[in-house]
C-alpha atoms as a PDB file:
ATOM      1  CA  MET A   1     -31.406  -1.897  11.132  1.00  0.00           C
ATOM      2  CA  THR A   2     -28.842  -4.219  10.864  1.00  0.00           C
ATOM      3  CA  ALA A   3     -28.982  -7.446  12.203  1.00  0.00           C
ATOM      4  CA  THR A   4     -26.107  -6.371  14.622  1.00  0.00           C
ATOM      5  CA  VAL A   5     -28.727  -2.953  15.669  1.00  0.00           C
ATOM      6  CA  TYR A   6     -31.202  -5.632  16.579  1.00  0.00           C
ATOM      7  CA  GLN A   7     -29.678  -7.695  19.092  1.00  0.00           C
ATOM      8  CA  PHE A   8     -28.244  -4.925  20.221  1.00  0.00           C
ATOM      9  CA  VAL A   9     -31.693  -3.360  20.835  1.00  0.00           C
ATOM     10  CA  ILE A  10     -33.115  -7.082  23.166  1.00  0.00           C
ATOM     11  CA  ILE A  11     -29.779  -6.742  24.822  1.00  0.00           C
ATOM     12  CA  GLN A  12     -30.758  -3.314  26.280  1.00  0.00           C
ATOM     13  CA  PHE A  13     -34.587  -3.997  27.048  1.00  0.00           C
ATOM     14  CA  ARG A  14     -33.503  -7.924  28.539  1.00  0.00           C
ATOM     15  CA  ILE A  15     -31.336  -5.184  30.850  1.00  0.00           C
ATOM     16  CA  VAL A  16     -34.051  -2.633  31.122  1.00  0.00           C
ATOM     17  CA  ILE A  17     -36.594  -6.146  32.123  1.00  0.00           C
ATOM     18  CA  ASP A  18     -34.047  -7.218  34.703  1.00  0.00           C
ATOM     19  CA  PHE A  19     -33.256  -3.789  35.923  1.00  0.00           C
ATOM     20  CA  PHE A  20     -36.832  -2.779  37.171  1.00  0.00           C
ATOM     21  CA  TYR A  21     -38.282  -6.457  38.430  1.00  0.00           C
ATOM     22  CA  THR A  22     -35.660  -8.596  39.465  1.00  0.00           C
ATOM     23  CA  GLY A  23     -34.223  -8.114  42.598  1.00  0.00           C
ATOM     24  CA  SER A  24     -35.389  -4.324  42.796  1.00  0.00           C
ATOM     25  CA  SER A  25     -38.520  -3.649  44.861  1.00  0.00           C
ATOM     26  CA  ILE A  26     -38.544  -1.402  47.279  1.00  0.00           C
ATOM     27  CA  PRO A  27     -39.554  -2.534  51.033  1.00  0.00           C
ATOM     28  CA  ASP A  28     -42.614  -1.281  51.769  1.00  0.00           C
ATOM     29  CA  ASN A  29     -40.805   0.699  54.822  1.00  0.00           C
ATOM     30  CA  PHE A  30     -38.282   2.218  52.848  1.00  0.00           C
ATOM     31  CA  PRO A  31     -39.602   6.101  53.761  1.00  0.00           C
ATOM     32  CA  GLN A  32     -41.072   8.404  50.822  1.00  0.00           C
ATOM     33  CA  GLU A  33     -38.010  10.365  50.224  1.00  0.00           C
ATOM     34  CA  ARG A  34     -35.508   7.868  49.408  1.00  0.00           C
ATOM     35  CA  LYS A  35     -38.198   5.623  46.894  1.00  0.00           C
ATOM     36  CA  ASN A  36     -38.366   8.795  44.767  1.00  0.00           C
ATOM     37  CA  LYS A  37     -35.151   8.846  44.524  1.00  0.00           C
ATOM     38  CA  ARG A  38     -34.300   5.166  43.332  1.00  0.00           C
ATOM     39  CA  MET A  39     -37.274   5.515  40.911  1.00  0.00           C
ATOM     40  CA  LYS A  40     -35.904   8.734  39.466  1.00  0.00           C
ATOM     41  CA  PHE A  41     -32.590   6.936  39.253  1.00  0.00           C
ATOM     42  CA  LYS A  42     -34.233   3.871  37.234  1.00  0.00           C
ATOM     43  CA  PHE A  43     -36.392   6.660  34.741  1.00  0.00           C
ATOM     44  CA  MET A  44     -32.867   8.033  33.894  1.00  0.00           C
ATOM     45  CA  ILE A  45     -31.140   5.058  33.603  1.00  0.00           C
ATOM     46  CA  LEU A  46     -33.823   4.008  31.451  1.00  0.00           C
ATOM     47  CA  THR A  47     -33.608   7.113  29.008  1.00  0.00           C
ATOM     48  CA  ALA A  48     -30.120   7.140  28.573  1.00  0.00           C
ATOM     49  CA  ILE A  49     -30.501   3.183  27.429  1.00  0.00           C
ATOM     50  CA  VAL A  50     -33.346   4.271  25.228  1.00  0.00           C
ATOM     51  CA  GLY A  51     -31.212   7.249  23.865  1.00  0.00           C
ATOM     52  CA  LEU A  52     -28.569   4.609  22.548  1.00  0.00           C
ATOM     53  CA  VAL A  53     -31.103   2.254  21.392  1.00  0.00           C
ATOM     54  CA  THR A  54     -32.055   5.129  19.119  1.00  0.00           C
ATOM     55  CA  LEU A  55     -28.648   6.562  17.721  1.00  0.00           C
ATOM     56  CA  ALA A  56     -28.095   2.561  17.389  1.00  0.00           C
ATOM     57  CA  GLY A  57     -30.604   2.065  15.398  1.00  0.00           C
ATOM     58  CA  ASN A  58     -30.098   5.362  12.553  1.00  0.00           C
ATOM     59  CA  CYS A  59     -26.540   4.265  12.235  1.00  0.00           C
ATOM     60  CA  LYS A  60     -25.673   3.610   9.507  1.00  0.00           C
ATOM     61  CA  PRO A  61     -22.392   1.153   8.208  1.00  0.00           C
ATOM     62  CA  LYS A  62     -20.026   2.889   6.359  1.00  0.00           C
ATOM     63  CA  GLU A  63     -19.284   1.745   2.737  1.00  0.00           C
ATOM     64  CA  THR A  64     -16.267  -0.151   2.333  1.00  0.00           C
ATOM     65  CA  ILE A  65     -13.994   0.324  -0.969  1.00  0.00           C
ATOM     66  CA  THR A  66     -11.644  -2.344  -1.030  1.00  0.00           C
ATOM     67  CA  VAL A  67      -8.090  -1.707  -3.045  1.00  0.00           C
ATOM     68  CA  THR A  68      -5.709  -5.327  -2.833  1.00  0.00           C
ATOM     69  CA  GLY A  69      -1.922  -5.936  -4.582  1.00  0.00           C
ATOM     70  CA  SER A  70       1.278  -4.376  -4.916  1.00  0.00           C
ATOM     71  CA  GLU A  71       3.201  -3.926  -1.246  1.00  0.00           C
ATOM     72  CA  THR A  72       5.208  -0.515  -2.768  1.00  0.00           C
ATOM     73  CA  MET A  73       2.036   0.849  -2.616  1.00  0.00           C
ATOM     74  CA  HIS A  74      -0.027   0.208   0.645  1.00  0.00           C
ATOM     75  CA  VAL A  75       1.317   2.802   2.676  1.00  0.00           C
ATOM     76  CA  MET A  76       0.730   5.393  -0.143  1.00  0.00           C
ATOM     77  CA  LEU A  77      -2.954   4.215  -0.908  1.00  0.00           C
ATOM     78  CA  GLN A  78      -3.689   3.902   3.487  1.00  0.00           C
ATOM     79  CA  THR A  79      -3.065   7.623   3.530  1.00  0.00           C
ATOM     80  CA  ILE A  80      -5.080   8.439   0.105  1.00  0.00           C
ATOM     81  CA  GLY A  81      -7.638   6.385   1.676  1.00  0.00           C
ATOM     82  CA  LEU A  82      -7.681   7.950   5.175  1.00  0.00           C
ATOM     83  CA  GLU A  83      -7.661  11.591   4.095  1.00  0.00           C
ATOM     84  CA  TYR A  84     -10.754  10.590   1.723  1.00  0.00           C
ATOM     85  CA  SER A  85     -12.130   8.728   4.589  1.00  0.00           C
ATOM     86  CA  ARG A  86     -12.091  12.099   7.051  1.00  0.00           C
ATOM     87  CA  LYS A  87     -13.113  13.852   3.491  1.00  0.00           C
ATOM     88  CA  LYS A  88     -16.014  11.546   3.326  1.00  0.00           C
ATOM     89  CA  SER A  89     -17.693  10.104   5.879  1.00  0.00           C
ATOM     90  CA  GLY A  90     -19.961   7.606   4.774  1.00  0.00           C
ATOM     91  CA  PHE A  91     -16.917   5.311   3.092  1.00  0.00           C
ATOM     92  CA  GLN A  92     -13.866   3.892   4.289  1.00  0.00           C
ATOM     93  CA  VAL A  93     -10.601   2.314   2.602  1.00  0.00           C
ATOM     94  CA  VAL A  94      -9.836  -0.509   3.400  1.00  0.00           C
ATOM     95  CA  VAL A  95      -5.962  -1.273   1.250  1.00  0.00           C
ATOM     96  CA  HIS A  96      -5.158  -5.533   1.473  1.00  0.00           C
ATOM     97  CA  GLY A  97      -1.661  -6.210   0.652  1.00  0.00           C
ATOM     98  CA  GLY A  98       0.036  -9.080  -1.075  1.00  0.00           C
ATOM     99  CA  GLY A  99       1.857  -8.024  -4.131  1.00  0.00           C
ATOM    100  CA  SER A 100       0.379  -6.800  -7.382  1.00  0.00           C
ATOM    101  CA  ILE A 101      -0.656 -10.429  -8.761  1.00  0.00           C
ATOM    102  CA  GLU A 102      -2.681 -10.352  -5.919  1.00  0.00           C
ATOM    103  CA  GLY A 103      -4.523  -7.073  -5.998  1.00  0.00           C
ATOM    104  CA  ILE A 104      -4.976  -7.796 -10.170  1.00  0.00           C
ATOM    105  CA  GLU A 105      -6.115 -11.470 -10.028  1.00  0.00           C
ATOM    106  CA  LYS A 106      -8.483 -11.160  -6.318  1.00  0.00           C
ATOM    107  CA  LEU A 107      -9.860  -7.786  -9.002  1.00  0.00           C
ATOM    108  CA  PHE A 108     -11.245 -10.139 -11.890  1.00  0.00           C
ATOM    109  CA  GLN A 109     -12.616 -13.104  -9.070  1.00  0.00           C
ATOM    110  CA  ASP A 110     -14.581  -9.500  -8.161  1.00  0.00           C
ATOM    111  CA  LYS A 111     -13.423  -9.993  -4.737  1.00  0.00           C
ATOM    112  CA  THR A 112     -11.710  -6.173  -4.593  1.00  0.00           C
ATOM    113  CA  ASP A 113     -13.291  -2.544  -6.000  1.00  0.00           C
ATOM    114  CA  ILE A 114     -10.413  -2.003  -7.099  1.00  0.00           C
ATOM    115  CA  ALA A 115      -6.361  -4.013  -7.859  1.00  0.00           C
ATOM    116  CA  ALA A 116      -2.997  -2.002  -6.713  1.00  0.00           C
ATOM    117  CA  ALA A 117      -0.172  -2.427  -9.341  1.00  0.00           C
ATOM    118  CA  SER A 118       3.739  -1.511  -9.640  1.00  0.00           C
ATOM    119  CA  ARG A 119       3.857  -3.039 -13.698  1.00  0.00           C
ATOM    120  CA  PRO A 120       1.840  -2.944 -16.247  1.00  0.00           C
ATOM    121  CA  LEU A 121      -0.981  -5.915 -17.191  1.00  0.00           C
ATOM    122  CA  THR A 122       1.150  -7.996 -19.705  1.00  0.00           C
ATOM    123  CA  GLU A 123      -1.510  -9.064 -22.689  1.00  0.00           C
ATOM    124  CA  ALA A 124      -3.544 -11.707 -21.152  1.00  0.00           C
ATOM    125  CA  GLU A 125      -4.287  -9.656 -18.040  1.00  0.00           C
ATOM    126  CA  LEU A 126      -5.568  -7.083 -20.122  1.00  0.00           C
ATOM    127  CA  LYS A 127      -8.128  -9.218 -22.740  1.00  0.00           C
ATOM    128  CA  GLU A 128      -9.149 -11.152 -19.322  1.00  0.00           C
ATOM    129  CA  PHE A 129      -9.983  -7.751 -18.587  1.00  0.00           C
ATOM    130  CA  ASN A 130     -11.490  -6.937 -21.343  1.00  0.00           C
ATOM    131  CA  SER A 131     -14.007  -9.042 -21.627  1.00  0.00           C
ATOM    132  CA  LYS A 132     -15.389  -9.161 -17.891  1.00  0.00           C
ATOM    133  CA  GLY A 133     -16.800  -5.245 -18.442  1.00  0.00           C
ATOM    134  CA  LYS A 134     -15.575  -1.429 -18.925  1.00  0.00           C
ATOM    135  CA  PHE A 135     -11.942  -1.356 -17.714  1.00  0.00           C
ATOM    136  CA  GLU A 136      -9.655   1.473 -16.896  1.00  0.00           C
ATOM    137  CA  SER A 137      -6.306   1.516 -15.790  1.00  0.00           C
ATOM    138  CA  LEU A 138      -4.276   4.500 -14.002  1.00  0.00           C
ATOM    139  CA  VAL A 139      -1.033   5.900 -13.615  1.00  0.00           C
ATOM    140  CA  VAL A 140      -1.535   6.985  -9.527  1.00  0.00           C
ATOM    141  CA  ALA A 141       2.767   8.265  -9.514  1.00  0.00           C
ATOM    142  CA  TYR A 142       4.919   7.233  -9.905  1.00  0.00           C
ATOM    143  CA  ASP A 143       8.562   5.995  -8.558  1.00  0.00           C
ATOM    144  CA  GLY A 144      12.541   4.475  -8.481  1.00  0.00           C
ATOM    145  CA  ILE A 145      13.237   1.102  -7.329  1.00  0.00           C
ATOM    146  CA  ALA A 146      15.565   1.351  -4.612  1.00  0.00           C
ATOM    147  CA  ILE A 147      18.876  -1.580  -5.019  1.00  0.00           C
ATOM    148  CA  ILE A 148      18.936  -1.810  -0.987  1.00  0.00           C
ATOM    149  CA  VAL A 149      22.434  -2.369   1.889  1.00  0.00           C
ATOM    150  CA  HIS A 150      22.424  -2.142   5.431  1.00  0.00           C
ATOM    151  CA  PRO A 151      23.206   1.436   6.423  1.00  0.00           C
ATOM    152  CA  SER A 152      26.620   0.082   8.112  1.00  0.00           C
ATOM    153  CA  ASN A 153      27.501  -1.078   3.823  1.00  0.00           C
ATOM    154  CA  PRO A 154      30.449   0.803   2.500  1.00  0.00           C
ATOM    155  CA  VAL A 155      29.762   0.892  -0.478  1.00  0.00           C
ATOM    156  CA  ARG A 156      27.702   3.792  -1.928  1.00  0.00           C
ATOM    157  CA  ARG A 157      26.976   3.225  -6.267  1.00  0.00           C
ATOM    158  CA  ILE A 158      26.168   0.280  -8.207  1.00  0.00           C
ATOM    159  CA  SER A 159      25.760  -0.069 -11.588  1.00  0.00           C
ATOM    160  CA  LEU A 160      23.414  -2.114 -14.010  1.00  0.00           C
ATOM    161  CA  GLU A 161      25.656  -5.088 -15.085  1.00  0.00           C
ATOM    162  CA  GLU A 162      27.195  -5.060 -11.326  1.00  0.00           C
ATOM    163  CA  ALA A 163      23.289  -4.724  -9.499  1.00  0.00           C
ATOM    164  CA  SER A 164      22.856  -7.833 -12.452  1.00  0.00           C
ATOM    165  CA  LYS A 165      25.663 -10.197 -11.699  1.00  0.00           C
ATOM    166  CA  ILE A 166      25.172  -9.992  -7.916  1.00  0.00           C
ATOM    167  CA  PHE A 167      21.107 -11.098  -8.309  1.00  0.00           C
ATOM    168  CA  ALA A 168      21.795 -13.200 -10.435  1.00  0.00           C
ATOM    169  CA  GLY A 169      25.023 -15.588  -9.149  1.00  0.00           C
ATOM    170  CA  GLU A 170      27.617 -14.187 -11.153  1.00  0.00           C
ATOM    171  CA  ILE A 171      28.759 -11.458  -8.087  1.00  0.00           C
ATOM    172  CA  THR A 172      29.761 -13.314  -4.624  1.00  0.00           C
ATOM    173  CA  ASP A 173      31.885 -10.657  -2.554  1.00  0.00           C
ATOM    174  CA  TRP A 174      31.507  -7.656  -1.651  1.00  0.00           C
ATOM    175  CA  SER A 175      34.958  -7.331  -2.424  1.00  0.00           C
ATOM    176  CA  LYS A 176      34.215  -7.254  -5.713  1.00  0.00           C
ATOM    177  CA  VAL A 177      32.185  -4.162  -6.332  1.00  0.00           C
ATOM    178  CA  GLY A 178      34.165  -1.813  -3.850  1.00  0.00           C
ATOM    179  CA  GLY A 179      33.605  -2.860  -0.342  1.00  0.00           C
ATOM    180  CA  LYS A 180      34.588  -4.573   2.568  1.00  0.00           C
ATOM    181  CA  PRO A 181      35.648  -8.892   1.884  1.00  0.00           C
ATOM    182  CA  GLY A 182      32.259 -10.628   2.720  1.00  0.00           C
ATOM    183  CA  LYS A 183      29.538 -12.942   1.244  1.00  0.00           C
ATOM    184  CA  ILE A 184      27.336 -11.175  -0.642  1.00  0.00           C
ATOM    185  CA  ASP A 185      23.389 -12.427   0.921  1.00  0.00           C
ATOM    186  CA  VAL A 186      20.787 -12.157  -1.318  1.00  0.00           C
ATOM    187  CA  LEU A 187      16.922 -11.239  -1.142  1.00  0.00           C
ATOM    188  CA  ILE A 188      14.585 -10.998  -3.680  1.00  0.00           C
ATOM    189  CA  ARG A 189      10.673 -10.800  -3.114  1.00  0.00           C
ATOM    190  CA  ASN A 190       8.194 -13.072  -4.137  1.00  0.00           C
ATOM    191  CA  ASP A 191       6.763 -13.955  -7.680  1.00  0.00           C
ATOM    192  CA  LYS A 192       3.565 -12.159  -6.750  1.00  0.00           C
ATOM    193  CA  SER A 193       5.813  -8.706  -6.256  1.00  0.00           C
ATOM    194  CA  GLY A 194       4.954  -6.313  -9.283  1.00  0.00           C
ATOM    195  CA  THR A 195       8.627  -4.902  -8.786  1.00  0.00           C
ATOM    196  CA  ALA A 196      10.318  -8.050  -8.726  1.00  0.00           C
ATOM    197  CA  ALA A 197       8.710  -8.967 -12.135  1.00  0.00           C
ATOM    198  CA  TYR A 198      10.156  -5.486 -13.748  1.00  0.00           C
ATOM    199  CA  PHE A 199      13.469  -5.741 -11.168  1.00  0.00           C
ATOM    200  CA  GLU A 200      13.980  -9.470 -12.950  1.00  0.00           C
ATOM    201  CA  THR A 201      13.324  -7.819 -16.524  1.00  0.00           C
ATOM    202  CA  HIS A 202      15.320  -4.062 -16.763  1.00  0.00           C
ATOM    203  CA  VAL A 203      18.205  -5.232 -14.504  1.00  0.00           C
ATOM    204  CA  LEU A 204      18.000  -8.970 -13.629  1.00  0.00           C
ATOM    205  CA  LYS A 205      17.751  -9.329 -17.243  1.00  0.00           C
ATOM    206  CA  GLN A 206      19.269  -5.759 -18.463  1.00  0.00           C
ATOM    207  CA  LYS A 207      16.493  -5.361 -20.364  1.00  0.00           C
ATOM    208  CA  ASP A 208      17.707  -1.687 -20.340  1.00  0.00           C
ATOM    209  CA  LEU A 209      21.044  -2.011 -21.260  1.00  0.00           C
ATOM    210  CA  GLY A 210      19.231  -2.915 -24.894  1.00  0.00           C
ATOM    211  CA  ILE A 211      17.509  -5.708 -27.013  1.00  0.00           C
ATOM    212  CA  LYS A 212      21.038  -7.052 -27.613  1.00  0.00           C
ATOM    213  CA  ASN A 213      21.410  -7.797 -23.742  1.00  0.00           C
ATOM    214  CA  PHE A 214      18.224  -8.584 -22.699  1.00  0.00           C
ATOM    215  CA  GLU A 215      18.097 -11.720 -26.003  1.00  0.00           C
ATOM    216  CA  THR A 216      21.456 -13.268 -24.036  1.00  0.00           C
ATOM    217  CA  ARG A 217      20.604 -12.960 -20.660  1.00  0.00           C
ATOM    218  CA  LYS A 218      16.769 -13.094 -21.472  1.00  0.00           C
ATOM    219  CA  ASN A 219      16.066 -17.065 -19.589  1.00  0.00           C
ATOM    220  CA  LEU A 220      19.112 -16.124 -16.136  1.00  0.00           C
ATOM    221  CA  ILE A 221      17.001 -17.031 -12.969  1.00  0.00           C
ATOM    222  CA  TYR A 222      17.764 -15.303  -9.671  1.00  0.00           C
ATOM    223  CA  SER A 223      20.549 -17.070  -7.512  1.00  0.00           C
ATOM    224  CA  LYS A 224      20.121 -19.875  -5.566  1.00  0.00           C
ATOM    225  CA  THR A 225      21.088 -18.773  -3.584  1.00  0.00           C
ATOM    226  CA  ALA A 226      18.839 -16.230  -2.967  1.00  0.00           C
ATOM    227  CA  LYS A 227      16.305 -15.508   0.416  1.00  0.00           C
ATOM    228  CA  ILE A 228      12.871 -14.719  -1.105  1.00  0.00           C
ATOM    229  CA  VAL A 229      11.605 -11.912   0.846  1.00  0.00           C
ATOM    230  CA  ALA A 230       7.657 -11.999   1.078  1.00  0.00           C
ATOM    231  CA  ASP A 231       6.967  -8.100   2.042  1.00  0.00           C
ATOM    232  CA  ASN A 232       8.818  -5.006   2.169  1.00  0.00           C
ATOM    233  CA  ASP A 233       8.442  -4.942   6.461  1.00  0.00           C
ATOM    234  CA  ALA A 234      10.041  -8.728   5.698  1.00  0.00           C
ATOM    235  CA  MET A 235      13.203  -7.089   3.444  1.00  0.00           C
ATOM    236  CA  THR A 236      14.461  -4.813   5.892  1.00  0.00           C
ATOM    237  CA  ALA A 237      13.338  -6.717   8.619  1.00  0.00           C
ATOM    238  CA  ALA A 238      16.587  -9.169   6.673  1.00  0.00           C
ATOM    239  CA  ILE A 239      18.931  -5.826   6.015  1.00  0.00           C
ATOM    240  CA  ASP A 240      18.224  -4.107   9.365  1.00  0.00           C
ATOM    241  CA  SER A 241      19.856  -7.163  10.757  1.00  0.00           C
ATOM    242  CA  ASN A 242      22.001  -7.988   8.359  1.00  0.00           C
ATOM    243  CA  PRO A 243      25.219  -5.824   7.265  1.00  0.00           C
ATOM    244  CA  ASN A 244      26.205  -8.335   3.959  1.00  0.00           C
ATOM    245  CA  ALA A 245      22.393  -8.199   2.652  1.00  0.00           C
ATOM    246  CA  ILE A 246      21.082  -6.290  -0.731  1.00  0.00           C
ATOM    247  CA  GLY A 247      17.739  -6.012  -1.954  1.00  0.00           C
ATOM    248  CA  PHE A 248      15.454  -3.691  -3.734  1.00  0.00           C
ATOM    249  CA  MET A 249      12.132  -1.929  -2.813  1.00  0.00           C
ATOM    250  CA  GLY A 250       9.616   1.492  -4.389  1.00  0.00           C
ATOM    251  CA  MET A 251      11.811   4.417  -3.548  1.00  0.00           C
ATOM    252  CA  GLY A 252       9.465   5.880  -1.128  1.00  0.00           C
ATOM    253  CA  SER A 253       9.937   2.586   0.911  1.00  0.00           C
ATOM    254  CA  ALA A 254      13.241   2.826   0.627  1.00  0.00           C
ATOM    255  CA  LEU A 255      13.565   6.446   2.278  1.00  0.00           C
ATOM    256  CA  PHE A 256      10.251   7.360   3.915  1.00  0.00           C
ATOM    257  CA  GLU A 257       8.879   4.642   5.874  1.00  0.00           C
ATOM    258  CA  ASN A 258      12.344   2.373   6.997  1.00  0.00           C
ATOM    259  CA  LYS A 259      14.987   5.523   6.556  1.00  0.00           C
ATOM    260  CA  GLY A 260      17.532   4.503   9.264  1.00  0.00           C
ATOM    261  CA  ARG A 261      17.345   1.269   8.772  1.00  0.00           C
ATOM    262  CA  VAL A 262      18.098   0.105   5.185  1.00  0.00           C
ATOM    263  CA  ARG A 263      20.292   2.428   2.657  1.00  0.00           C
ATOM    264  CA  ALA A 264      20.050   2.748  -1.342  1.00  0.00           C
ATOM    265  CA  LEU A 265      22.640   3.088  -3.113  1.00  0.00           C
ATOM    266  CA  GLU A 266      23.675   6.041  -6.731  1.00  0.00           C
ATOM    267  CA  TYR A 267      22.592   3.663  -9.359  1.00  0.00           C
ATOM    268  CA  SER A 268      24.460   3.881 -13.135  1.00  0.00           C
ATOM    269  CA  LEU A 269      22.932   2.427 -16.377  1.00  0.00           C
ATOM    270  CA  SER A 270      27.224   2.483 -17.117  1.00  0.00           C
ATOM    271  CA  GLY A 271      29.877   1.570 -14.456  1.00  0.00           C
ATOM    272  CA  LYS A 272      31.539   5.300 -16.150  1.00  0.00           C
ATOM    273  CA  GLY A 273      28.546   6.971 -14.148  1.00  0.00           C
ATOM    274  CA  PRO A 274      27.171   9.712 -13.663  1.00  0.00           C
ATOM    275  CA  PHE A 275      25.299   7.688 -10.352  1.00  0.00           C
ATOM    276  CA  VAL A 276      22.283   8.800  -9.015  1.00  0.00           C
ATOM    277  CA  ILE A 277      21.178   8.799  -5.757  1.00  0.00           C
ATOM    278  CA  PRO A 278      17.005   8.210  -5.953  1.00  0.00           C
ATOM    279  CA  ASN A 279      15.047  11.031  -4.824  1.00  0.00           C
ATOM    280  CA  ILE A 280      11.494  11.994  -6.613  1.00  0.00           C
ATOM    281  CA  GLU A 281      13.216  15.283  -7.981  1.00  0.00           C
ATOM    282  CA  ASN A 282      15.871  12.571  -9.987  1.00  0.00           C
ATOM    283  CA  VAL A 283      13.036  10.011 -11.323  1.00  0.00           C
ATOM    284  CA  TYR A 284      10.407  13.857 -11.909  1.00  0.00           C
ATOM    285  CA  ASN A 285      13.727  14.984 -14.288  1.00  0.00           C
ATOM    286  CA  ARG A 286      14.739  11.286 -15.245  1.00  0.00           C
ATOM    287  CA  LYS A 287      17.862  11.238 -14.116  1.00  0.00           C
ATOM    288  CA  TYR A 288      16.990   8.324 -12.071  1.00  0.00           C
ATOM    289  CA  GLU A 289      17.096   5.873 -14.558  1.00  0.00           C
ATOM    290  CA  LEU A 290      15.940   3.144 -12.521  1.00  0.00           C
ATOM    291  CA  SER A 291      11.792   4.215 -12.537  1.00  0.00           C
ATOM    292  CA  ARG A 292       8.633   3.037 -13.148  1.00  0.00           C
ATOM    293  CA  GLY A 293       4.401   3.968 -12.940  1.00  0.00           C
ATOM    294  CA  LEU A 294       2.335   2.531  -9.888  1.00  0.00           C
ATOM    295  CA  TYR A 295      -1.320   1.827 -11.694  1.00  0.00           C
ATOM    296  CA  LEU A 296      -4.518   1.260 -10.419  1.00  0.00           C
ATOM    297  CA  PHE A 297      -6.759  -0.923 -12.059  1.00  0.00           C
ATOM    298  CA  TYR A 298     -10.596  -0.676 -12.296  1.00  0.00           C
ATOM    299  CA  LEU A 299     -14.302  -2.188 -13.578  1.00  0.00           C
ATOM    300  CA  SER A 300     -15.495   1.607 -14.014  1.00  0.00           C
ATOM    301  CA  ASP A 301     -19.028  -0.031 -14.173  1.00  0.00           C
ATOM    302  CA  HIS A 302     -18.635  -1.798 -10.607  1.00  0.00           C
ATOM    303  CA  GLY A 303     -20.197   1.039  -8.790  1.00  0.00           C
ATOM    304  CA  GLN A 304     -20.406   5.341  -9.029  1.00  0.00           C
ATOM    305  CA  LYS A 305     -18.376   4.813  -4.964  1.00  0.00           C
ATOM    306  CA  ILE A 306     -15.151   3.210  -7.448  1.00  0.00           C
ATOM    307  CA  ASP A 307     -15.858   6.487 -10.039  1.00  0.00           C
ATOM    308  CA  ASN A 308     -15.986   9.187  -6.918  1.00  0.00           C
ATOM    309  CA  PHE A 309     -12.689   7.256  -5.073  1.00  0.00           C
ATOM    310  CA  ILE A 310     -10.676   7.617  -8.318  1.00  0.00           C
ATOM    311  CA  THR A 311     -11.427  11.453  -9.076  1.00  0.00           C
ATOM    312  CA  TYR A 312     -10.554  12.281  -5.622  1.00  0.00           C
ATOM    313  CA  VAL A 313      -6.973  10.322  -6.465  1.00  0.00           C
ATOM    314  CA  THR A 314      -6.070  12.030  -9.608  1.00  0.00           C
ATOM    315  CA  SER A 315      -6.968  15.855  -7.715  1.00  0.00           C
ATOM    316  CA  GLU A 316      -4.770  17.614  -6.275  1.00  0.00           C
ATOM    317  CA  GLU A 317      -5.855  16.714  -2.493  1.00  0.00           C
ATOM    318  CA  GLY A 318      -5.241  13.367  -3.459  1.00  0.00           C
ATOM    319  CA  GLN A 319      -1.721  14.217  -5.332  1.00  0.00           C
ATOM    320  CA  LYS A 320      -0.875  15.902  -2.181  1.00  0.00           C
ATOM    321  CA  ALA A 321      -1.177  12.463  -0.490  1.00  0.00           C
ATOM    322  CA  VAL A 322       0.729  10.494  -3.457  1.00  0.00           C
ATOM    323  CA  LEU A 323       3.537  12.849  -2.632  1.00  0.00           C
ATOM    324  CA  LYS A 324       3.707  13.364   1.546  1.00  0.00           C
ATOM    325  CA  SER A 325       4.499   9.400   0.761  1.00  0.00           C
ATOM    326  CA  GLY A 326       7.446  10.058  -0.947  1.00  0.00           C
ATOM    327  CA  TYR A 327       6.219   9.693  -4.759  1.00  0.00           C
ATOM    328  CA  LEU A 328       6.163  10.927  -7.958  1.00  0.00           C
ATOM    329  CA  ARG A 329       2.526  12.479  -8.648  1.00  0.00           C
ATOM    330  CA  GLY A 330       1.279  10.684 -11.288  1.00  0.00           C
ATOM    331  CA  THR A 331      -1.268  13.678 -12.745  1.00  0.00           C
ATOM    332  CA  LEU A 332       0.032  16.775 -13.180  1.00  0.00           C
ATOM    333  CA  PRO A 333      -0.826  20.024 -11.184  1.00  0.00           C
ATOM    334  CA  THR A 334      -3.802  22.279 -11.766  1.00  0.00           C
ATOM    335  CA  LEU A 335      -2.905  25.255 -13.280  1.00  0.00           C
ATOM    336  CA  GLU A 336      -5.520  28.679 -13.268  1.00  0.00           C
ATOM    337  CA  VAL A 337      -4.473  31.241 -15.992  1.00  0.00           C
ATOM    338  CA  GLU A 338      -6.439  34.491 -16.226  1.00  0.00           C
ATOM    339  CA  VAL A 339      -6.170  35.256 -19.509  1.00  0.00           C
ATOM    340  CA  LYS A 340      -6.294  39.269 -19.672  1.00  0.00           C
ATOM    341  CA  ARG A 341      -8.536  40.890 -23.218  1.00  0.00           C
END
């Protein structure tokens, strides 16, 4: 019996004692019928309390699985966790955000069971984890990064080079990219964000245009006037309230969680196109170029409960929850093949 249940039992017995012996005596001149009814009522109350105490003593606290990290993956993991908790009633999946680096650090410090990240581990991080035990990495889903603006913004498309120059502060007016004259307000995520790290490398520093471009821009930093926001909720709120703002977030967050408050731009590596909108189909067929894997990291020797949850995530049921959240599944669907002889 846990301390909480023990306290509950003590309180209930105190109530019983008070009920029976404090101010509850029956006067001698009471009719016998009323005396019997009153005593019967007392015993009904006592029976109910004893039943509650018995139930409380038999209740086992749910085992908790904690997942910490990527803001991009937050809602998706909550959806998966809820479905898993329904399937396994003795378990509760608790999802914390904070960004990819937060999750990785918490896992290394043994303060979370699983880390969620929207980027792969660095060589240094991988070396650290391998020193702790049997380390495992899983691509749970694929996601596009959407460059987003206010729904009223007339700009519909953007090239990698234009995006790079906007976020570097080299282009500062919307009229330079086909919009109405007006200052561009750049929004970026903090340095704990895996999405921000990926965007910085592949867009700001133009790695997706080849090593030559990357070498000339590898020391580039975000615009000094860029506003840093903590998470996707803050990014959405800032863009929703500012028609001149531009930012970025995971495709699922832009198209599903925050639909109507932000709008994703069509994107192309080349200024000549083709310009492609981020969605599941275009990420799947590789037409949308700004996409990446979403990862779960864990130590497989930290208990069967983690292995069971990971098995569920990769199952057909778990991957349907990935699709429901607006992401491309990380594992191929199971196919049944009938062999005729």
